[in-house]
Structure formats: C-alpha cells, structure tokens
Amino acid sequence: MPGQHDATFPDSALRILHLRCPADVDPQVYRLLLGLVAEVTPVVQALPPSALVADVSGSLRYFDRNPSGLARMIRTRALARYGLDVKIGIASTWALAAMASNETAPAASAPSAPPARSWKRSCIRGRWGSYTASAPPRPAP
C-alpha cells in the first residue's frame, strides 16, 4: 500500500536505544559506558567492540523523561565523565535503532537532512524525530 511506511510512532513505542561509540574506543572506557547506561536501565546488551543496546521502557517513569530525554542525559554524562561522544539512535526495535544511530552525526546540535536513498523509500525515527528519504526527482527530458 502506498504510504504504509510513512506512519509515525508515539514516543511510548520508541523504547530501544542503540549507542554507537567511535571505532577506536578504549575497552576500559567502553566498560565504563556500559556501567553508565546500567545506571539508567538494567536491560543493557553489549555489542563489542563499540556499540550497545538498551531497553529504557522501565526507566521512562522513574526518570520522568521520554526516550530522547534519556538519550540526551546518557550522551551528556558520557561526554562529561569520559570525554566520549556517542551517537544514539532511538526506535521501537534494535535494528531500526541501529540504523538511526548510524544516520546521526556526533556533536550535532541541530537536525540534519538524511542522505537521499537511490530507489528505496524508508522511514526512520531517529534521534530528532521522523524523516522519510525517497528517490531524488527525475530531471526533465
């Protein structure tokens, strides 16, 4: 059906965070980051050498924040404590969250447009909200 991939999800459905560290992260700093995320949620899975997945559905009411607020809190603490700038993707599944964390730029202060896909149409809810990438317009003959 046309437009079926353009649906947006309520914030309550977006509960999976995928954190992506720089590729050359020190293993000790990576373990400290795991501990930092464990302070926010006990449901954390390490994806060595430089990524991890966390389910924050149980932490939303405790911290009185939405998933993007928790992601900002984790990112700020990681930068302040360890000097580690992580990219965080938020989605309803770990695969979409991983795609969203790959699309975000570290140290970005404003949303940026995603790169256009060649022929594929996709909708990803990333760190700053939903965006849809589609094929670029065809040139006039």
Foldseek 3Di string as FASTA:
>chain_A
DPPPQVDFDPLLLWFKKKKFFPPPDDQVLVVVLVVLVCVQPVAKDDDPDTMIMGGNNVRCVVVVHGRLVVVVVSQVCSCVPPVTFIQMWIGNDPVLRVVQSVQDDTPDDDDDDGDADAADWHWGQTSVGIDIHHHDDDDDD
